[in-house]
Amino acid sequence: MGWQIWKKKESSTALPGTPPKKLEKPRELPDDVGRNLVVEQGLDPDWVWSLKCVRKPKGNSKNTFDIRIFSQESAAQKGVKVRDYVTLEDHMDLVIFAGWYDKGSRKIQMEQLIKKAV
């Protein structure tokens, strides 16, 4: 019998021999990003800190991330379970802000995608 149920099947999107990268689950906004939205853009702090984000590494950098910010309540109302950054590809109507940030240099570039939510 050649059963090997304990071995994982390789993902079709990963290159052979390389482990697939697992993206992060939704999380609280990073301090620098939340502070930027409140201070620089003048948004309501209570609303900003209630938002969630998903991120993925940008390029090969350890400190630079692409980020999408969304409201978990809006996602729940539409019946969308946000698991990671890629989940929002099909639901860009839920993304309020999108952009990138660098943890090391604290540079942030955000684009507001939904005007009515703010």
Protein backbone atom coordinates (compact mmCIF):
# COMPACT_ATOMS: atom_id res chain seq x y z
CA MET A 1 0.00 0.00 0.00
CA GLY A 2 1.39 3.36 -1.00
CA TRP A 3 -0.72 5.52 1.27
CA GLN A 4 1.04 8.59 2.48
CA ILE A 5 -1.75 10.60 4.01
CA TRP A 6 0.63 12.39 6.37
CA LYS A 7 2.40 14.15 3.48
CA LYS A 8 1.01 17.44 2.23
CA LYS A 9 0.24 17.92 -1.42
CA GLU A 10 2.18 20.72 -3.06
CA SER A 11 0.20 23.78 -4.03
CA SER A 12 -0.19 24.28 -7.76
CA THR A 13 0.74 27.97 -7.40
CA ALA A 14 4.05 27.30 -5.62
CA LEU A 15 7.23 26.50 -7.47
CA PRO A 16 8.30 22.87 -7.13
CA GLY A 17 10.54 22.39 -4.12
CA THR A 18 9.62 25.70 -2.45
CA PRO A 19 7.10 25.89 0.36
CA PRO A 20 4.07 28.10 -0.38
CA LYS A 21 4.00 31.41 1.48
CA LYS A 22 1.17 31.65 3.95
CA LEU A 23 -0.45 35.07 4.13
CA GLU A 24 -1.43 36.67 7.41
CA LYS A 25 -4.93 36.69 8.86
CA PRO A 26 -6.78 39.98 9.44
CA ARG A 27 -5.30 41.97 12.28
CA GLU A 28 -5.39 45.33 14.03
CA LEU A 29 -3.94 48.30 12.16
CA PRO A 30 -0.21 48.83 12.66
CA ASP A 31 0.41 51.82 14.95
CA ASP A 32 2.10 53.92 12.26
CA VAL A 33 -0.72 53.35 9.76
CA GLY A 34 -3.48 54.11 12.27
CA ARG A 35 -1.66 57.20 13.48
CA ASN A 36 -1.27 58.40 9.89
CA LEU A 37 -5.00 58.04 9.22
CA VAL A 38 -5.92 59.91 12.41
CA VAL A 39 -3.28 62.66 12.45
CA GLU A 40 -2.46 63.27 8.78
CA GLN A 41 -5.90 62.65 7.31
CA GLY A 42 -7.95 63.89 10.26
CA LEU A 43 -10.21 60.84 10.54
CA ASP A 44 -12.19 59.88 13.65
CA PRO A 45 -9.87 57.85 15.93
CA ASP A 46 -12.64 55.59 17.23
CA TRP A 47 -13.61 54.62 13.70
CA VAL A 48 -10.01 54.20 12.49
CA TRP A 49 -9.01 51.89 15.34
CA SER A 50 -12.09 49.71 14.74
CA LEU A 51 -10.84 48.85 11.23
CA LYS A 52 -8.87 45.72 10.37
CA CYS A 53 -6.13 45.15 7.83
CA VAL A 54 -4.61 42.37 5.81
CA ARG A 55 -1.09 42.65 4.49
CA LYS A 56 1.50 40.83 2.44
CA PRO A 57 5.22 41.39 1.99
CA LYS A 58 6.05 43.75 -0.85
CA GLY A 59 8.78 42.31 -3.02
CA ASN A 60 11.63 40.70 -1.12
CA SER A 61 11.72 43.28 1.66
CA LYS A 62 11.20 42.23 5.27
CA ASN A 63 9.94 45.66 6.35
CA THR A 64 7.73 46.77 3.44
CA PHE A 65 4.15 45.54 3.13
CA ASP A 66 1.20 46.00 0.80
CA ILE A 67 -1.83 46.63 2.97
CA ARG A 68 -5.62 46.70 2.56
CA ILE A 69 -7.81 48.22 5.25
CA PHE A 70 -11.44 47.18 5.63
CA SER A 71 -14.32 47.17 8.09
CA GLN A 72 -14.97 43.76 9.54
CA GLU A 73 -18.60 44.73 10.17
CA SER A 74 -19.15 45.59 6.49
CA ALA A 75 -17.60 42.29 5.45
CA ALA A 76 -19.87 40.38 7.84
CA GLN A 77 -22.95 42.20 6.53
CA LYS A 78 -22.07 41.13 2.98
CA GLY A 79 -21.35 37.58 4.11
CA VAL A 80 -17.65 37.72 3.26
CA LYS A 81 -15.16 35.87 5.47
CA VAL A 82 -11.84 37.68 5.04
CA ARG A 83 -9.05 35.14 5.53
CA ASP A 84 -6.06 36.97 4.05
CA TYR A 85 -4.88 39.61 1.56
CA VAL A 86 -5.96 37.60 -1.48
CA THR A 87 -9.53 37.12 -0.20
CA LEU A 88 -10.23 40.80 -0.88
CA GLU A 89 -9.25 40.46 -4.58
CA ASP A 90 -12.85 39.51 -5.39
CA HIS A 91 -14.34 42.00 -2.91
CA MET A 92 -12.57 45.29 -3.59
CA ASP A 93 -15.82 47.08 -2.68
CA LEU A 94 -14.97 46.28 0.97
CA VAL A 95 -11.49 47.85 0.85
CA ILE A 96 -11.58 51.38 2.32
CA PHE A 97 -7.84 52.12 2.05
CA ALA A 98 -5.11 50.38 0.07
CA GLY A 99 -1.43 51.09 -0.20
CA TRP A 100 1.89 50.19 1.36
CA TYR A 101 3.98 50.96 4.40
CA ASP A 102 7.54 50.45 5.54
CA LYS A 103 8.08 49.52 9.18
CA GLY A 104 11.74 50.51 9.16
CA SER A 105 11.53 53.98 7.64
CA ARG A 106 7.90 54.56 8.74
CA LYS A 107 6.92 55.68 5.23
CA ILE A 108 3.26 55.23 4.42
CA GLN A 109 1.34 55.69 1.20
CA MET A 110 -2.40 55.12 1.35
CA GLU A 111 -5.11 55.63 -1.23
CA GLN A 112 -8.71 56.02 -0.11
CA LEU A 113 -10.86 53.73 -2.25
CA ILE A 114 -14.25 54.28 -0.63
CA LYS A 115 -15.18 57.92 -0.10
CA LYS A 116 -18.60 57.44 1.51
CA ALA A 117 -17.33 55.30 4.39
CA VAL A 118 -15.17 58.08 5.78
